[in-house]
N, C-alpha and C. Protein backbone atom coordinates (compact mmCIF):
# COMPACT_ATOMS: atom_id res chain seq x y z
N MET A 1 -35.09 6.74 -31.60
CA MET A 1 -35.31 7.82 -32.52
C MET A 1 -34.42 9.01 -32.18
N GLN A 2 -34.29 9.28 -30.89
CA GLN A 2 -33.42 10.39 -30.48
C GLN A 2 -31.97 10.07 -30.78
N ARG A 3 -31.56 8.83 -30.54
CA ARG A 3 -30.18 8.43 -30.81
C ARG A 3 -29.87 8.52 -32.29
N ASP A 4 -30.82 8.12 -33.13
CA ASP A 4 -30.61 8.14 -34.58
C ASP A 4 -30.48 9.58 -35.08
N GLY A 5 -31.38 10.44 -34.63
CA GLY A 5 -31.31 11.85 -34.99
C GLY A 5 -31.78 12.21 -36.38
N LYS A 6 -32.08 11.24 -37.21
CA LYS A 6 -32.50 11.51 -38.59
C LYS A 6 -33.86 10.90 -38.88
N VAL A 7 -34.70 10.85 -37.87
CA VAL A 7 -36.01 10.24 -37.99
C VAL A 7 -37.07 11.28 -37.69
N ARG A 8 -38.06 11.34 -38.54
CA ARG A 8 -39.20 12.24 -38.29
C ARG A 8 -40.36 11.37 -37.83
N VAL A 9 -40.94 11.71 -36.71
CA VAL A 9 -42.05 10.95 -36.14
C VAL A 9 -43.35 11.71 -36.41
N ILE A 10 -44.30 10.99 -36.97
CA ILE A 10 -45.63 11.55 -37.19
C ILE A 10 -46.62 10.62 -36.49
N TYR A 11 -47.30 11.14 -35.49
CA TYR A 11 -48.29 10.35 -34.78
C TYR A 11 -49.62 10.44 -35.52
N LYS A 12 -50.29 9.32 -35.63
CA LYS A 12 -51.62 9.26 -36.23
C LYS A 12 -52.52 8.51 -35.26
N ASP A 13 -53.27 9.25 -34.49
CA ASP A 13 -54.16 8.62 -33.52
C ASP A 13 -55.24 7.86 -34.26
N TRP A 14 -55.43 6.61 -33.85
CA TRP A 14 -56.43 5.74 -34.47
C TRP A 14 -57.11 4.93 -33.37
N PRO A 15 -58.21 5.46 -32.83
CA PRO A 15 -58.88 4.78 -31.71
C PRO A 15 -59.67 3.57 -32.21
N ILE A 16 -59.23 2.38 -31.83
CA ILE A 16 -59.84 1.16 -32.36
C ILE A 16 -60.70 0.42 -31.34
N PHE A 17 -60.78 0.94 -30.12
CA PHE A 17 -61.51 0.23 -29.07
C PHE A 17 -62.81 0.91 -28.66
N GLY A 18 -63.46 1.60 -29.58
CA GLY A 18 -64.76 2.17 -29.30
C GLY A 18 -64.73 3.52 -28.62
N PRO A 19 -65.87 3.94 -28.07
CA PRO A 19 -66.00 5.29 -27.51
C PRO A 19 -64.94 5.69 -26.47
N PRO A 20 -64.56 4.84 -25.51
CA PRO A 20 -63.52 5.28 -24.58
C PRO A 20 -62.19 5.57 -25.29
N SER A 21 -61.86 4.75 -26.27
CA SER A 21 -60.64 4.94 -27.04
C SER A 21 -60.73 6.23 -27.86
N GLU A 22 -61.91 6.51 -28.42
CA GLU A 22 -62.11 7.75 -29.17
C GLU A 22 -61.97 8.97 -28.26
N ARG A 23 -62.50 8.87 -27.07
CA ARG A 23 -62.38 9.98 -26.11
C ARG A 23 -60.92 10.21 -25.75
N ALA A 24 -60.18 9.14 -25.50
CA ALA A 24 -58.76 9.26 -25.14
C ALA A 24 -57.97 9.89 -26.28
N ALA A 25 -58.20 9.44 -27.51
CA ALA A 25 -57.49 10.00 -28.65
C ALA A 25 -57.84 11.47 -28.83
N SER A 26 -59.08 11.82 -28.64
CA SER A 26 -59.52 13.22 -28.77
C SER A 26 -58.86 14.10 -27.72
N VAL A 27 -58.80 13.61 -26.50
CA VAL A 27 -58.16 14.37 -25.43
C VAL A 27 -56.67 14.54 -25.73
N ALA A 28 -56.03 13.47 -26.21
CA ALA A 28 -54.61 13.57 -26.56
C ALA A 28 -54.39 14.65 -27.61
N LEU A 29 -55.22 14.66 -28.65
CA LEU A 29 -55.09 15.68 -29.69
C LEU A 29 -55.35 17.07 -29.13
N ALA A 30 -56.26 17.19 -28.19
CA ALA A 30 -56.54 18.48 -27.57
C ALA A 30 -55.35 18.99 -26.77
N CYS A 31 -54.48 18.10 -26.36
CA CYS A 31 -53.31 18.49 -25.56
C CYS A 31 -52.15 18.99 -26.43
N ALA A 32 -52.27 18.82 -27.73
CA ALA A 32 -51.18 19.24 -28.62
C ALA A 32 -50.92 20.74 -28.51
N GLU A 33 -51.98 21.52 -28.41
CA GLU A 33 -51.78 22.97 -28.35
C GLU A 33 -51.13 23.42 -27.04
N GLN A 34 -51.08 22.53 -26.06
CA GLN A 34 -50.38 22.82 -24.81
C GLN A 34 -48.95 22.30 -24.82
N GLY A 35 -48.60 21.58 -25.88
CA GLY A 35 -47.25 21.05 -25.99
C GLY A 35 -46.99 19.78 -25.20
N VAL A 36 -48.04 19.12 -24.74
CA VAL A 36 -47.85 17.91 -23.94
C VAL A 36 -48.37 16.65 -24.63
N TYR A 37 -48.70 16.77 -25.91
CA TYR A 37 -49.23 15.62 -26.64
C TYR A 37 -48.33 14.38 -26.52
N PRO A 38 -47.02 14.47 -26.80
CA PRO A 38 -46.21 13.24 -26.76
C PRO A 38 -46.26 12.54 -25.40
N VAL A 39 -46.24 13.30 -24.33
CA VAL A 39 -46.27 12.70 -22.99
C VAL A 39 -47.64 12.08 -22.73
N VAL A 40 -48.70 12.77 -23.11
CA VAL A 40 -50.05 12.24 -22.92
C VAL A 40 -50.24 10.98 -23.76
N HIS A 41 -49.82 11.04 -25.01
CA HIS A 41 -49.94 9.89 -25.91
C HIS A 41 -49.23 8.66 -25.33
N ARG A 42 -47.99 8.84 -24.92
CA ARG A 42 -47.21 7.74 -24.35
C ARG A 42 -47.90 7.17 -23.11
N ALA A 43 -48.39 8.05 -22.25
CA ALA A 43 -49.07 7.59 -21.03
C ALA A 43 -50.34 6.80 -21.37
N LEU A 44 -51.09 7.28 -22.34
CA LEU A 44 -52.32 6.58 -22.71
C LEU A 44 -52.03 5.21 -23.32
N MET A 45 -50.93 5.09 -24.03
CA MET A 45 -50.59 3.81 -24.66
C MET A 45 -50.09 2.78 -23.64
N THR A 46 -49.69 3.23 -22.46
CA THR A 46 -49.12 2.30 -21.48
C THR A 46 -49.95 2.17 -20.21
N ASP A 47 -50.93 3.02 -20.01
CA ASP A 47 -51.75 3.00 -18.79
C ASP A 47 -52.79 1.89 -18.89
N SER A 48 -52.89 1.07 -17.89
CA SER A 48 -53.82 -0.07 -17.92
C SER A 48 -55.16 0.22 -17.24
N ARG A 49 -55.32 1.46 -16.74
CA ARG A 49 -56.58 1.78 -16.08
C ARG A 49 -57.73 1.87 -17.09
N THR A 50 -58.95 1.74 -16.58
CA THR A 50 -60.13 1.95 -17.40
C THR A 50 -60.15 3.40 -17.86
N ILE A 51 -60.43 3.60 -19.14
CA ILE A 51 -60.45 4.96 -19.69
C ILE A 51 -61.77 5.63 -19.33
N ASP A 52 -61.68 6.64 -18.51
CA ASP A 52 -62.80 7.51 -18.20
C ASP A 52 -62.23 8.90 -17.96
N ASP A 53 -63.08 9.87 -17.74
CA ASP A 53 -62.58 11.24 -17.61
C ASP A 53 -61.68 11.42 -16.39
N GLU A 54 -61.90 10.67 -15.34
CA GLU A 54 -61.03 10.77 -14.17
C GLU A 54 -59.60 10.33 -14.54
N MET A 55 -59.51 9.21 -15.24
CA MET A 55 -58.20 8.71 -15.68
C MET A 55 -57.56 9.69 -16.65
N LEU A 56 -58.34 10.20 -17.60
CA LEU A 56 -57.80 11.13 -18.59
C LEU A 56 -57.33 12.43 -17.93
N ARG A 57 -58.09 12.92 -16.98
CA ARG A 57 -57.69 14.14 -16.25
C ARG A 57 -56.36 13.91 -15.54
N ASP A 58 -56.22 12.74 -14.92
CA ASP A 58 -54.98 12.40 -14.23
C ASP A 58 -53.80 12.36 -15.20
N VAL A 59 -53.98 11.72 -16.36
CA VAL A 59 -52.91 11.62 -17.36
C VAL A 59 -52.51 13.01 -17.84
N VAL A 60 -53.49 13.84 -18.15
CA VAL A 60 -53.20 15.18 -18.66
C VAL A 60 -52.46 16.02 -17.62
N THR A 61 -52.94 16.00 -16.39
CA THR A 61 -52.30 16.84 -15.37
C THR A 61 -50.91 16.31 -15.02
N ARG A 62 -50.72 14.99 -14.98
CA ARG A 62 -49.38 14.44 -14.73
C ARG A 62 -48.40 14.80 -15.85
N ALA A 63 -48.94 15.00 -17.06
CA ALA A 63 -48.10 15.38 -18.19
C ALA A 63 -47.78 16.88 -18.19
N GLY A 64 -48.38 17.60 -17.24
CA GLY A 64 -48.14 19.05 -17.18
C GLY A 64 -49.18 19.87 -17.92
N GLY A 65 -50.25 19.21 -18.35
CA GLY A 65 -51.31 19.90 -19.08
C GLY A 65 -52.41 20.41 -18.15
N ASP A 66 -53.23 21.24 -18.71
CA ASP A 66 -54.37 21.82 -18.01
C ASP A 66 -55.63 21.12 -18.53
N TRP A 67 -56.28 20.35 -17.66
CA TRP A 67 -57.46 19.57 -18.05
C TRP A 67 -58.58 20.46 -18.57
N LEU A 68 -58.89 21.54 -17.87
CA LEU A 68 -59.99 22.40 -18.30
C LEU A 68 -59.69 23.05 -19.64
N ARG A 69 -58.46 23.44 -19.85
CA ARG A 69 -58.06 24.02 -21.14
C ARG A 69 -58.19 22.98 -22.25
N ALA A 70 -57.78 21.75 -21.98
CA ALA A 70 -57.88 20.69 -22.98
C ALA A 70 -59.33 20.39 -23.34
N THR A 71 -60.19 20.29 -22.33
CA THR A 71 -61.58 19.96 -22.61
C THR A 71 -62.30 21.13 -23.29
N ALA A 72 -61.93 22.37 -22.96
CA ALA A 72 -62.51 23.53 -23.64
C ALA A 72 -62.07 23.56 -25.10
N TRP A 73 -60.79 23.28 -25.35
CA TRP A 73 -60.29 23.25 -26.72
C TRP A 73 -61.00 22.16 -27.51
N LEU A 74 -61.16 21.01 -26.88
CA LEU A 74 -61.82 19.89 -27.55
C LEU A 74 -63.28 20.23 -27.88
N ALA A 75 -63.97 20.87 -26.96
CA ALA A 75 -65.36 21.24 -27.23
C ALA A 75 -65.46 22.20 -28.42
N ALA A 76 -64.51 23.09 -28.53
CA ALA A 76 -64.51 24.07 -29.62
C ALA A 76 -64.09 23.47 -30.96
N HIS A 77 -63.38 22.35 -30.92
CA HIS A 77 -62.83 21.75 -32.14
C HIS A 77 -63.28 20.30 -32.34
N ALA A 78 -64.37 19.90 -31.73
CA ALA A 78 -64.81 18.50 -31.74
C ALA A 78 -65.02 17.96 -33.15
N ASP A 79 -65.63 18.74 -34.03
CA ASP A 79 -65.89 18.25 -35.39
C ASP A 79 -64.59 18.01 -36.15
N ALA A 80 -63.64 18.93 -36.02
CA ALA A 80 -62.35 18.78 -36.71
C ALA A 80 -61.57 17.58 -36.17
N VAL A 81 -61.62 17.37 -34.86
CA VAL A 81 -60.93 16.24 -34.25
C VAL A 81 -61.56 14.93 -34.72
N ALA A 82 -62.88 14.87 -34.73
CA ALA A 82 -63.57 13.65 -35.19
C ALA A 82 -63.23 13.37 -36.66
N ALA A 83 -63.17 14.39 -37.48
CA ALA A 83 -62.82 14.21 -38.89
C ALA A 83 -61.39 13.70 -39.04
N ARG A 84 -60.50 14.23 -38.23
CA ARG A 84 -59.10 13.78 -38.28
C ARG A 84 -58.98 12.32 -37.89
N LEU A 85 -59.69 11.92 -36.85
CA LEU A 85 -59.63 10.53 -36.41
C LEU A 85 -60.21 9.59 -37.48
N ARG A 86 -61.28 10.01 -38.14
CA ARG A 86 -61.84 9.20 -39.24
C ARG A 86 -60.84 9.08 -40.38
N ALA A 87 -60.20 10.18 -40.73
CA ALA A 87 -59.21 10.17 -41.81
C ALA A 87 -58.03 9.27 -41.45
N ASN A 88 -57.59 9.32 -40.19
CA ASN A 88 -56.50 8.45 -39.75
C ASN A 88 -56.90 6.98 -39.89
N GLY A 89 -58.14 6.67 -39.54
CA GLY A 89 -58.62 5.29 -39.67
C GLY A 89 -58.63 4.83 -41.11
N ARG A 90 -59.10 5.68 -42.01
CA ARG A 90 -59.09 5.33 -43.44
C ARG A 90 -57.66 5.10 -43.92
N GLU A 91 -56.75 5.97 -43.49
CA GLU A 91 -55.35 5.84 -43.90
C GLU A 91 -54.75 4.54 -43.35
N ALA A 92 -55.04 4.23 -42.10
CA ALA A 92 -54.52 3.00 -41.49
C ALA A 92 -54.98 1.77 -42.29
N TYR A 93 -56.25 1.72 -42.62
CA TYR A 93 -56.76 0.59 -43.40
C TYR A 93 -56.12 0.55 -44.78
N SER A 94 -55.90 1.71 -45.38
CA SER A 94 -55.36 1.76 -46.74
C SER A 94 -53.93 1.23 -46.83
N ILE A 95 -53.16 1.34 -45.72
CA ILE A 95 -51.79 0.82 -45.75
C ILE A 95 -51.69 -0.59 -45.16
N GLY A 96 -52.82 -1.13 -44.72
CA GLY A 96 -52.84 -2.50 -44.25
C GLY A 96 -52.69 -2.71 -42.76
N LEU A 97 -52.82 -1.66 -41.96
CA LEU A 97 -52.74 -1.84 -40.51
C LEU A 97 -53.96 -2.61 -40.02
N ALA A 98 -53.73 -3.54 -39.13
CA ALA A 98 -54.81 -4.32 -38.55
C ALA A 98 -55.07 -3.91 -37.10
N GLY A 99 -54.20 -3.12 -36.53
CA GLY A 99 -54.34 -2.69 -35.13
C GLY A 99 -53.22 -1.73 -34.78
N THR A 100 -53.14 -1.42 -33.51
CA THR A 100 -52.12 -0.49 -33.04
C THR A 100 -51.26 -1.18 -31.99
N PRO A 101 -50.04 -0.73 -31.78
CA PRO A 101 -49.36 0.29 -32.57
C PRO A 101 -48.87 -0.27 -33.89
N GLY A 102 -48.58 0.62 -34.80
CA GLY A 102 -48.01 0.26 -36.08
C GLY A 102 -47.00 1.32 -36.46
N TYR A 103 -46.00 0.92 -37.21
CA TYR A 103 -44.92 1.84 -37.59
C TYR A 103 -44.66 1.70 -39.08
N LEU A 104 -44.55 2.83 -39.75
CA LEU A 104 -44.24 2.85 -41.17
C LEU A 104 -42.93 3.60 -41.34
N ALA A 105 -41.93 2.92 -41.86
CA ALA A 105 -40.62 3.52 -42.12
C ALA A 105 -40.36 3.35 -43.60
N GLY A 106 -40.42 4.43 -44.35
CA GLY A 106 -40.33 4.30 -45.79
C GLY A 106 -41.53 3.51 -46.27
N ARG A 107 -41.26 2.38 -46.93
CA ARG A 107 -42.35 1.51 -47.39
C ARG A 107 -42.51 0.28 -46.51
N ILE A 108 -41.80 0.22 -45.39
CA ILE A 108 -41.84 -0.95 -44.52
C ILE A 108 -42.84 -0.71 -43.39
N LEU A 109 -43.81 -1.61 -43.29
CA LEU A 109 -44.84 -1.53 -42.27
C LEU A 109 -44.57 -2.59 -41.21
N VAL A 110 -44.54 -2.16 -39.95
CA VAL A 110 -44.36 -3.07 -38.82
C VAL A 110 -45.58 -2.93 -37.92
N MET A 111 -46.17 -4.06 -37.58
CA MET A 111 -47.33 -4.03 -36.70
C MET A 111 -46.94 -4.56 -35.33
N GLY A 112 -47.38 -3.85 -34.29
CA GLY A 112 -47.09 -4.25 -32.93
C GLY A 112 -45.93 -3.47 -32.34
N ALA A 113 -45.82 -3.53 -31.04
CA ALA A 113 -44.76 -2.81 -30.33
C ALA A 113 -43.40 -3.43 -30.65
N ILE A 114 -42.38 -2.58 -30.78
CA ILE A 114 -41.03 -3.07 -31.02
C ILE A 114 -40.06 -2.36 -30.08
N ASP A 115 -38.93 -3.00 -29.83
CA ASP A 115 -37.95 -2.44 -28.91
C ASP A 115 -36.91 -1.61 -29.67
N THR A 116 -35.99 -1.04 -28.93
CA THR A 116 -34.97 -0.14 -29.49
C THR A 116 -34.16 -0.82 -30.59
N ASN A 117 -33.72 -2.04 -30.35
CA ASN A 117 -32.92 -2.75 -31.36
C ASN A 117 -33.69 -2.94 -32.66
N ASN A 118 -34.97 -3.27 -32.54
CA ASN A 118 -35.77 -3.46 -33.74
C ASN A 118 -36.06 -2.15 -34.45
N PHE A 119 -36.18 -1.05 -33.70
CA PHE A 119 -36.31 0.26 -34.35
C PHE A 119 -35.05 0.56 -35.16
N GLU A 120 -33.88 0.30 -34.58
CA GLU A 120 -32.62 0.56 -35.28
C GLU A 120 -32.54 -0.26 -36.57
N ARG A 121 -32.95 -1.53 -36.49
CA ARG A 121 -32.95 -2.38 -37.69
C ARG A 121 -33.96 -1.86 -38.72
N LEU A 122 -35.12 -1.44 -38.25
CA LEU A 122 -36.15 -0.90 -39.14
C LEU A 122 -35.63 0.33 -39.88
N PHE A 123 -35.01 1.26 -39.16
CA PHE A 123 -34.48 2.47 -39.79
C PHE A 123 -33.42 2.12 -40.83
N ALA A 124 -32.52 1.21 -40.47
CA ALA A 124 -31.45 0.82 -41.39
C ALA A 124 -32.03 0.17 -42.66
N ARG A 125 -32.99 -0.69 -42.46
CA ARG A 125 -33.60 -1.38 -43.62
C ARG A 125 -34.35 -0.39 -44.51
N ALA A 126 -35.06 0.53 -43.91
CA ALA A 126 -35.79 1.54 -44.69
C ALA A 126 -34.82 2.39 -45.50
N ARG A 127 -33.69 2.71 -44.93
CA ARG A 127 -32.69 3.51 -45.65
C ARG A 127 -32.09 2.71 -46.80
N GLU A 128 -31.89 1.42 -46.59
CA GLU A 128 -31.34 0.56 -47.66
C GLU A 128 -32.28 0.50 -48.85
N GLU A 129 -33.58 0.49 -48.58
CA GLU A 129 -34.57 0.37 -49.65
C GLU A 129 -34.88 1.67 -50.34
N LYS A 130 -34.34 2.75 -49.83
CA LYS A 130 -34.64 4.08 -50.36
C LYS A 130 -34.20 4.27 -51.77
């Protein structure tokens, strides 16, 4: 995406693995106001540890975030975060996503993780169909 330079990335957190996944997505969203959301999101998508507050605290602090600030923000905005996650889930189902990760480029939907070469092909194909 950085190499291409003409791609806009929009993250849509969609916790599909129950309460721990919902907690992780909520914490990630709470980190946005600290400017560390992308790093936290990436870490959560690749970390194989059990999701609990100890793990989440570690991810947030390693990303340069403040755990207490994130949890305070989340407590103050819990209803809005929960509504956003529900809306993301409805949107995911409406476009045909069956799980995460998923990528939408133009009208092309790709399900599952893809590598750099496949991202380049996806971008090119989406531009061709424009």
